[in-house]
Amino acid sequence: AKDFNLTQYRTKVGMVFQSFNLFNNMSALNN
C-alpha cells in the first residue's frame, strides 16, 4: 500500500543474504 511505512517494516523483518552484503570498509562491530 502507498501509505505503508516500508522503512519501519524492514526494521521488523530482517534479511540475511547468501552473499553476506557486509560493508567492506567497516569492521564487524561497525557493520
PDB file of all heavy atoms in Angstrom:
ATOM      1  N   ALA A   1       0.835  -1.206   0.000  1.00  0.00           N
ATOM      2  CA  ALA A   1       0.000   0.000   0.000  1.00  0.00           C
ATOM      3  C   ALA A   1       0.868   1.254   0.000  1.00  0.00           C
ATOM      4  O   ALA A   1       1.954   1.284   0.599  1.00  0.00           O
ATOM      5  CB  ALA A   1      -0.929  -0.005   1.211  1.00  0.00           C
ATOM      6  N   LYS A   2       0.400   2.305  -0.650  1.00  0.00           N
ATOM      7  CA  LYS A   2       1.190   3.530  -0.807  1.00  0.00           C
ATOM      8  C   LYS A   2       1.536   4.190   0.525  1.00  0.00           C
ATOM      9  O   LYS A   2       2.593   4.790   0.675  1.00  0.00           O
ATOM     10  CB  LYS A   2       0.436   4.517  -1.699  1.00  0.00           C
ATOM     11  CG  LYS A   2       0.389   4.099  -3.166  1.00  0.00           C
ATOM     12  CD  LYS A   2      -0.289   5.161  -4.011  1.00  0.00           C
ATOM     13  CE  LYS A   2      -0.298   4.747  -5.483  1.00  0.00           C
ATOM     14  NZ  LYS A   2      -0.980   5.766  -6.328  1.00  0.00           N
ATOM     15  N   ASP A   3       0.624   4.084   1.489  1.00  0.00           N
ATOM     16  CA  ASP A   3       0.856   4.768   2.763  1.00  0.00           C
ATOM     17  C   ASP A   3       1.553   3.896   3.801  1.00  0.00           C
ATOM     18  O   ASP A   3       1.693   4.283   4.964  1.00  0.00           O
ATOM     19  CB  ASP A   3      -0.474   5.272   3.338  1.00  0.00           C
ATOM     20  CG  ASP A   3      -1.474   4.142   3.560  1.00  0.00           C
ATOM     21  OD1 ASP A   3      -1.227   3.018   3.056  1.00  0.00           O
ATOM     22  OD2 ASP A   3      -2.503   4.373   4.229  1.00  0.00           O
ATOM     23  N   PHE A   4       2.025   2.713   3.372  1.00  0.00           N
ATOM     24  CA  PHE A   4       2.675   1.801   4.328  1.00  0.00           C
ATOM     25  C   PHE A   4       4.113   2.257   4.584  1.00  0.00           C
ATOM     26  O   PHE A   4       4.839   2.614   3.647  1.00  0.00           O
ATOM     27  CB  PHE A   4       2.664   0.369   3.792  1.00  0.00           C
ATOM     28  CG  PHE A   4       3.156  -0.644   4.778  1.00  0.00           C
ATOM     29  CD1 PHE A   4       2.333  -1.122   5.788  1.00  0.00           C
ATOM     30  CD2 PHE A   4       4.473  -1.117   4.723  1.00  0.00           C
ATOM     31  CE1 PHE A   4       2.787  -2.049   6.707  1.00  0.00           C
ATOM     32  CE2 PHE A   4       4.935  -2.043   5.640  1.00  0.00           C
ATOM     33  CZ  PHE A   4       4.093  -2.511   6.633  1.00  0.00           C
ATOM     34  N   ASN A   5       4.545   2.227   5.840  1.00  0.00           N
ATOM     35  CA  ASN A   5       5.897   2.664   6.206  1.00  0.00           C
ATOM     36  C   ASN A   5       6.881   1.505   5.991  1.00  0.00           C
ATOM     37  O   ASN A   5       7.103   0.677   6.864  1.00  0.00           O
ATOM     38  CB  ASN A   5       5.918   3.108   7.677  1.00  0.00           C
ATOM     39  CG  ASN A   5       7.232   3.788   8.046  1.00  0.00           C
ATOM     40  OD1 ASN A   5       8.292   3.470   7.507  1.00  0.00           O
ATOM     41  ND2 ASN A   5       7.165   4.732   8.980  1.00  0.00           N
ATOM     42  N   LEU A   6       7.473   1.494   4.796  1.00  0.00           N
ATOM     43  CA  LEU A   6       8.353   0.386   4.413  1.00  0.00           C
ATOM     44  C   LEU A   6       9.649   0.377   5.221  1.00  0.00           C
ATOM     45  O   LEU A   6      10.167  -0.689   5.571  1.00  0.00           O
ATOM     46  CB  LEU A   6       8.662   0.466   2.917  1.00  0.00           C
ATOM     47  CG  LEU A   6       9.457  -0.688   2.314  1.00  0.00           C
ATOM     48  CD1 LEU A   6       8.749  -2.023   2.531  1.00  0.00           C
ATOM     49  CD2 LEU A   6       9.698  -0.453   0.825  1.00  0.00           C
ATOM     50  N   THR A   7      10.175   1.552   5.539  1.00  0.00           N
ATOM     51  CA  THR A   7      11.426   1.631   6.312  1.00  0.00           C
ATOM     52  C   THR A   7      11.245   0.994   7.686  1.00  0.00           C
ATOM     53  O   THR A   7      12.092   0.211   8.137  1.00  0.00           O
ATOM     54  CB  THR A   7      11.881   3.090   6.458  1.00  0.00           C
ATOM     55  OG1 THR A   7      12.063   3.655   5.158  1.00  0.00           O
ATOM     56  CG2 THR A   7      13.188   3.169   7.228  1.00  0.00           C
ATOM     57  N   GLN A   8      10.147   1.320   8.339  1.00  0.00           N
ATOM     58  CA  GLN A   8       9.885   0.749   9.657  1.00  0.00           C
ATOM     59  C   GLN A   8       9.659  -0.765   9.553  1.00  0.00           C
ATOM     60  O   GLN A   8      10.111  -1.528  10.400  1.00  0.00           O
ATOM     61  CB  GLN A   8       8.666   1.417  10.289  1.00  0.00           C
ATOM     62  CG  GLN A   8       8.425   0.964  11.721  1.00  0.00           C
ATOM     63  CD  GLN A   8       7.237   1.680  12.351  1.00  0.00           C
ATOM     64  OE1 GLN A   8       6.422   2.263  11.660  1.00  0.00           O
ATOM     65  NE2 GLN A   8       7.150   1.631  13.676  1.00  0.00           N
ATOM     66  N   TYR A   9       8.980  -1.176   8.482  1.00  0.00           N
ATOM     67  CA  TYR A   9       8.721  -2.604   8.254  1.00  0.00           C
ATOM     68  C   TYR A   9      10.030  -3.388   8.158  1.00  0.00           C
ATOM     69  O   TYR A   9      10.177  -4.463   8.731  1.00  0.00           O
ATOM     70  CB  TYR A   9       7.899  -2.769   6.976  1.00  0.00           C
ATOM     71  CG  TYR A   9       7.757  -4.200   6.474  1.00  0.00           C
ATOM     72  CD1 TYR A   9       6.951  -5.121   7.134  1.00  0.00           C
ATOM     73  CD2 TYR A   9       8.427  -4.613   5.322  1.00  0.00           C
ATOM     74  CE1 TYR A   9       6.809  -6.420   6.657  1.00  0.00           C
ATOM     75  CE2 TYR A   9       8.289  -5.899   4.843  1.00  0.00           C
ATOM     76  CZ  TYR A   9       7.489  -6.806   5.508  1.00  0.00           C
ATOM     77  OH  TYR A   9       7.352  -8.100   5.037  1.00  0.00           O
ATOM     78  N   ARG A  10      10.988  -2.831   7.460  1.00  0.00           N
ATOM     79  CA  ARG A  10      12.256  -3.549   7.250  1.00  0.00           C
ATOM     80  C   ARG A  10      13.089  -3.633   8.522  1.00  0.00           C
ATOM     81  O   ARG A  10      14.011  -4.439   8.604  1.00  0.00           O
ATOM     82  CB  ARG A  10      13.044  -2.906   6.114  1.00  0.00           C
ATOM     83  CG  ARG A  10      12.468  -3.260   4.747  1.00  0.00           C
ATOM     84  CD  ARG A  10      13.221  -2.618   3.620  1.00  0.00           C
ATOM     85  NE  ARG A  10      12.735  -3.089   2.323  1.00  0.00           N
ATOM     86  CZ  ARG A  10      12.858  -2.412   1.184  1.00  0.00           C
ATOM     87  NH1 ARG A  10      13.462  -1.224   1.191  1.00  0.00           N
ATOM     88  NH2 ARG A  10      12.396  -2.906   0.061  1.00  0.00           N
ATOM     89  N   THR A  11      12.780  -2.784   9.505  1.00  0.00           N
ATOM     90  CA  THR A  11      13.443  -2.954  10.808  1.00  0.00           C
ATOM     91  C   THR A  11      12.818  -4.116  11.575  1.00  0.00           C
ATOM     92  O   THR A  11      13.450  -4.673  12.475  1.00  0.00           O
ATOM     93  CB  THR A  11      13.344  -1.667  11.663  1.00  0.00           C
ATOM     94  OG1 THR A  11      11.981  -1.429  12.021  1.00  0.00           O
ATOM     95  CG2 THR A  11      13.919  -0.482  10.908  1.00  0.00           C
ATOM     96  N   LYS A  12      11.590  -4.476  11.224  1.00  0.00           N
ATOM     97  CA  LYS A  12      10.886  -5.568  11.896  1.00  0.00           C
ATOM     98  C   LYS A  12      11.046  -6.898  11.169  1.00  0.00           C
ATOM     99  O   LYS A  12      10.902  -7.969  11.757  1.00  0.00           O
ATOM    100  CB  LYS A  12       9.388  -5.232  12.008  1.00  0.00           C
ATOM    101  CG  LYS A  12       9.078  -4.000  12.848  1.00  0.00           C
ATOM    102  CD  LYS A  12       9.518  -4.200  14.289  1.00  0.00           C
ATOM    103  CE  LYS A  12       9.139  -3.012  15.167  1.00  0.00           C
ATOM    104  NZ  LYS A  12       9.646  -3.202  16.559  1.00  0.00           N
ATOM    105  N   VAL A  13      11.323  -6.826   9.874  1.00  0.00           N
ATOM    106  CA  VAL A  13      11.506  -8.038   9.061  1.00  0.00           C
ATOM    107  C   VAL A  13      12.895  -7.950   8.437  1.00  0.00           C
ATOM    108  O   VAL A  13      13.100  -7.312   7.399  1.00  0.00           O
ATOM    109  CB  VAL A  13      10.408  -8.166   7.980  1.00  0.00           C
ATOM    110  CG1 VAL A  13      10.623  -9.425   7.148  1.00  0.00           C
ATOM    111  CG2 VAL A  13       9.025  -8.190   8.635  1.00  0.00           C
ATOM    112  N   GLY A  14      13.870  -8.570   9.099  1.00  0.00           N
ATOM    113  CA  GLY A  14      15.254  -8.507   8.647  1.00  0.00           C
ATOM    114  C   GLY A  14      15.554  -9.562   7.597  1.00  0.00           C
ATOM    115  O   GLY A  14      14.763 -10.482   7.354  1.00  0.00           O
ATOM    116  N   MET A  15      16.727  -9.432   6.979  1.00  0.00           N
ATOM    117  CA  MET A  15      17.092 -10.385   5.922  1.00  0.00           C
ATOM    118  C   MET A  15      18.584 -10.687   5.970  1.00  0.00           C
ATOM    119  O   MET A  15      19.410  -9.784   6.157  1.00  0.00           O
ATOM    120  CB  MET A  15      16.718  -9.831   4.551  1.00  0.00           C
ATOM    121  CG  MET A  15      16.835 -10.846   3.420  1.00  0.00           C
ATOM    122  SD  MET A  15      15.799 -10.388   2.010  1.00  0.00           S
ATOM    123  CE  MET A  15      16.095 -11.766   0.907  1.00  0.00           C
ATOM    124  N   VAL A  16      18.901 -11.961   5.786  1.00  0.00           N
ATOM    125  CA  VAL A  16      20.284 -12.430   5.690  1.00  0.00           C
ATOM    126  C   VAL A  16      20.468 -12.988   4.286  1.00  0.00           C
ATOM    127  O   VAL A  16      19.733 -13.890   3.864  1.00  0.00           O
ATOM    128  CB  VAL A  16      20.585 -13.509   6.748  1.00  0.00           C
ATOM    129  CG1 VAL A  16      22.010 -14.045   6.573  1.00  0.00           C
ATOM    130  CG2 VAL A  16      20.387 -12.951   8.154  1.00  0.00           C
ATOM    131  N   PHE A  17      21.448 -12.452   3.560  1.00  0.00           N
ATOM    132  CA  PHE A  17      21.653 -12.791   2.157  1.00  0.00           C
ATOM    133  C   PHE A  17      22.726 -13.874   2.010  1.00  0.00           C
ATOM    134  O   PHE A  17      23.607 -14.016   2.859  1.00  0.00           O
ATOM    135  CB  PHE A  17      22.085 -11.557   1.365  1.00  0.00           C
ATOM    136  CG  PHE A  17      21.087 -10.423   1.419  1.00  0.00           C
ATOM    137  CD1 PHE A  17      21.134  -9.503   2.457  1.00  0.00           C
ATOM    138  CD2 PHE A  17      20.122 -10.272   0.440  1.00  0.00           C
ATOM    139  CE1 PHE A  17      20.233  -8.450   2.517  1.00  0.00           C
ATOM    140  CE2 PHE A  17      19.213  -9.222   0.495  1.00  0.00           C
ATOM    141  CZ  PHE A  17      19.265  -8.316   1.530  1.00  0.00           C
ATOM    142  N   GLN A  18      22.672 -14.577   0.879  1.00  0.00           N
ATOM    143  CA  GLN A  18      23.686 -15.619   0.645  1.00  0.00           C
ATOM    144  C   GLN A  18      25.062 -15.018   0.409  1.00  0.00           C
ATOM    145  O   GLN A  18      26.084 -15.651   0.672  1.00  0.00           O
ATOM    146  CB  GLN A  18      23.282 -16.513  -0.531  1.00  0.00           C
ATOM    147  CG  GLN A  18      23.060 -15.815  -1.844  1.00  0.00           C
ATOM    148  CD  GLN A  18      22.668 -16.787  -2.944  1.00  0.00           C
ATOM    149  OE1 GLN A  18      23.435 -17.682  -3.290  1.00  0.00           O
ATOM    150  NE2 GLN A  18      21.493 -16.641  -3.494  1.00  0.00           N
ATOM    151  N   SER A  19      25.120 -13.766  -0.072  1.00  0.00           N
ATOM    152  CA  SER A  19      26.422 -13.142  -0.373  1.00  0.00           C
ATOM    153  C   SER A  19      26.860 -12.165   0.715  1.00  0.00           C
ATOM    154  O   SER A  19      27.698 -11.296   0.464  1.00  0.00           O
ATOM    155  CB  SER A  19      26.333 -12.420  -1.724  1.00  0.00           C
ATOM    156  OG  SER A  19      25.250 -11.505  -1.733  1.00  0.00           O
ATOM    157  N   PHE A  20      26.286 -12.288   1.911  1.00  0.00           N
ATOM    158  CA  PHE A  20      26.667 -11.551   3.130  1.00  0.00           C
ATOM    159  C   PHE A  20      26.251 -10.074   3.123  1.00  0.00           C
ATOM    160  O   PHE A  20      25.699  -9.573   4.089  1.00  0.00           O
ATOM    161  CB  PHE A  20      28.172 -11.650   3.420  1.00  0.00           C
ATOM    162  CG  PHE A  20      28.789 -12.980   3.119  1.00  0.00           C
ATOM    163  CD1 PHE A  20      29.907 -13.076   2.313  1.00  0.00           C
ATOM    164  CD2 PHE A  20      28.238 -14.153   3.629  1.00  0.00           C
ATOM    165  CE1 PHE A  20      30.475 -14.304   2.032  1.00  0.00           C
ATOM    166  CE2 PHE A  20      28.800 -15.382   3.346  1.00  0.00           C
ATOM    167  CZ  PHE A  20      29.922 -15.461   2.544  1.00  0.00           C
ATOM    168  N   ASN A  21      26.603  -9.349   2.024  1.00  0.00           N
ATOM    169  CA  ASN A  21      26.258  -7.924   1.893  1.00  0.00           C
ATOM    170  C   ASN A  21      26.777  -7.073   3.055  1.00  0.00           C
ATOM    171  O   ASN A  21      26.099  -6.154   3.516  1.00  0.00           O
ATOM    172  CB  ASN A  21      24.738  -7.737   1.745  1.00  0.00           C
ATOM    173  CG  ASN A  21      24.243  -8.121   0.367  1.00  0.00           C
ATOM    174  OD1 ASN A  21      24.920  -8.852  -0.342  1.00  0.00           O
ATOM    175  ND2 ASN A  21      23.069  -7.650   0.001  1.00  0.00           N
ATOM    176  N   LEU A  22      27.982  -7.381   3.524  1.00  0.00           N
ATOM    177  CA  LEU A  22      28.603  -6.559   4.565  1.00  0.00           C
ATOM    178  C   LEU A  22      29.286  -5.341   3.932  1.00  0.00           C
ATOM    179  O   LEU A  22      29.661  -5.365   2.749  1.00  0.00           O
ATOM    180  CB  LEU A  22      29.636  -7.384   5.340  1.00  0.00           C
ATOM    181  CG  LEU A  22      29.113  -8.591   6.121  1.00  0.00           C
ATOM    182  CD1 LEU A  22      30.271  -9.350   6.741  1.00  0.00           C
ATOM    183  CD2 LEU A  22      28.113  -8.159   7.191  1.00  0.00           C
ATOM    184  N   PHE A  23      29.476  -4.293   4.727  1.00  0.00           N
ATOM    185  CA  PHE A  23      30.231  -3.129   4.263  1.00  0.00           C
ATOM    186  C   PHE A  23      31.717  -3.454   4.403  1.00  0.00           C
ATOM    187  O   PHE A  23      32.230  -3.649   5.511  1.00  0.00           O
ATOM    188  CB  PHE A  23      29.885  -1.890   5.094  1.00  0.00           C
ATOM    189  CG  PHE A  23      28.449  -1.457   4.956  1.00  0.00           C
ATOM    190  CD1 PHE A  23      27.570  -1.578   6.028  1.00  0.00           C
ATOM    191  CD2 PHE A  23      27.985  -0.934   3.760  1.00  0.00           C
ATOM    192  CE1 PHE A  23      26.244  -1.174   5.903  1.00  0.00           C
ATOM    193  CE2 PHE A  23      26.651  -0.523   3.630  1.00  0.00           C
ATOM    194  CZ  PHE A  23      25.786  -0.650   4.695  1.00  0.00           C
ATOM    195  N   ASN A  24      32.414  -3.527   3.276  1.00  0.00           N
ATOM    196  CA  ASN A  24      33.815  -3.958   3.282  1.00  0.00           C
ATOM    197  C   ASN A  24      34.749  -2.979   3.985  1.00  0.00           C
ATOM    198  O   ASN A  24      35.837  -3.356   4.433  1.00  0.00           O
ATOM    199  CB  ASN A  24      34.297  -4.189   1.842  1.00  0.00           C
ATOM    200  CG  ASN A  24      33.655  -5.416   1.222  1.00  0.00           C
ATOM    201  OD1 ASN A  24      33.434  -6.419   1.902  1.00  0.00           O
ATOM    202  ND2 ASN A  24      33.332  -5.345  -0.074  1.00  0.00           N
ATOM    203  N   ASN A  25      34.342  -1.706   4.066  1.00  0.00           N
ATOM    204  CA  ASN A  25      35.212  -0.697   4.687  1.00  0.00           C
ATOM    205  C   ASN A  25      34.952  -0.548   6.185  1.00  0.00           C
ATOM    206  O   ASN A  25      35.500   0.353   6.827  1.00  0.00           O
ATOM    207  CB  ASN A  25      35.031   0.653   3.988  1.00  0.00           C
ATOM    208  CG  ASN A  25      33.609   1.180   4.117  1.00  0.00           C
ATOM    209  OD1 ASN A  25      32.678   0.409   4.313  1.00  0.00           O
ATOM    210  ND2 ASN A  25      33.452   2.493   3.997  1.00  0.00           N
ATOM    211  N   MET A  26      34.091  -1.411   6.739  1.00  0.00           N
ATOM    212  CA  MET A  26      33.763  -1.336   8.167  1.00  0.00           C
ATOM    213  C   MET A  26      34.180  -2.617   8.876  1.00  0.00           C
ATOM    214  O   MET A  26      34.187  -3.697   8.280  1.00  0.00           O
ATOM    215  CB  MET A  26      32.255  -1.148   8.372  1.00  0.00           C
ATOM    216  CG  MET A  26      31.705   0.174   7.931  1.00  0.00           C
ATOM    217  SD  MET A  26      29.947   0.287   8.419  1.00  0.00           S
ATOM    218  CE  MET A  26      29.513   1.862   7.674  1.00  0.00           C
ATOM    219  N   SER A  27      34.479  -2.472  10.163  1.00  0.00           N
ATOM    220  CA  SER A  27      34.761  -3.646  10.994  1.00  0.00           C
ATOM    221  C   SER A  27      33.473  -4.423  11.232  1.00  0.00           C
ATOM    222  O   SER A  27      32.369  -3.940  10.958  1.00  0.00           O
ATOM    223  CB  SER A  27      35.353  -3.211  12.328  1.00  0.00           C
ATOM    224  OG  SER A  27      34.368  -2.494  13.091  1.00  0.00           O
ATOM    225  N   ALA A  28      33.600  -5.636  11.768  1.00  0.00           N
ATOM    226  CA  ALA A  28      32.427  -6.441  12.113  1.00  0.00           C
ATOM    227  C   ALA A  28      31.517  -5.674  13.068  1.00  0.00           C
ATOM    228  O   ALA A  28      30.289  -5.647  12.911  1.00  0.00           O
ATOM    229  CB  ALA A  28      32.867  -7.764  12.733  1.00  0.00           C
ATOM    230  N   LEU A  29      32.119  -5.024  14.052  1.00  0.00           N
ATOM    231  CA  LEU A  29      31.330  -4.268  15.038  1.00  0.00           C
ATOM    232  C   LEU A  29      30.565  -3.126  14.375  1.00  0.00           C
ATOM    233  O   LEU A  29      29.357  -2.958  14.598  1.00  0.00           O
ATOM    234  CB  LEU A  29      32.247  -3.725  16.136  1.00  0.00           C
ATOM    235  CG  LEU A  29      31.556  -2.901  17.237  1.00  0.00           C
ATOM    236  CD1 LEU A  29      30.525  -3.747  17.970  1.00  0.00           C
ATOM    237  CD2 LEU A  29      32.605  -2.356  18.208  1.00  0.00           C
ATOM    238  N   ASN A  30      31.254  -2.359  13.543  1.00  0.00           N
ATOM    239  CA  ASN A  30      30.595  -1.215  12.906  1.00  0.00           C
ATOM    240  C   ASN A  30      29.534  -1.654  11.898  1.00  0.00           C
ATOM    241  O   ASN A  30      28.556  -0.924  11.676  1.00  0.00           O
ATOM    242  CB  ASN A  30      31.628  -0.306  12.245  1.00  0.00           C
ATOM    243  CG  ASN A  30      32.386   0.525  13.268  1.00  0.00           C
ATOM    244  OD1 ASN A  30      31.857   0.831  14.337  1.00  0.00           O
ATOM    245  ND2 ASN A  30      33.628   0.874  12.950  1.00  0.00           N
ATOM    246  N   ASN A  31      29.717  -2.804  11.280  1.00  0.00           N
ATOM    247  CA  ASN A  31      28.673  -3.344  10.411  1.00  0.00           C
ATOM    248  C   ASN A  31      27.380  -3.562  11.192  1.00  0.00           C
ATOM    249  O   ASN A  31      26.282  -3.385  10.663  1.00  0.00           O
ATOM    250  CB  ASN A  31      29.128  -4.664   9.782  1.00  0.00           C
ATOM    251  CG  ASN A  31      29.671  -4.502   8.373  1.00  0.00           C
ATOM    252  OD1 ASN A  31      28.918  -4.370   7.412  1.00  0.00           O
ATOM    253  ND2 ASN A  31      31.001  -4.493   8.257  1.00  0.00           N
TER     254      ASN A  31
END
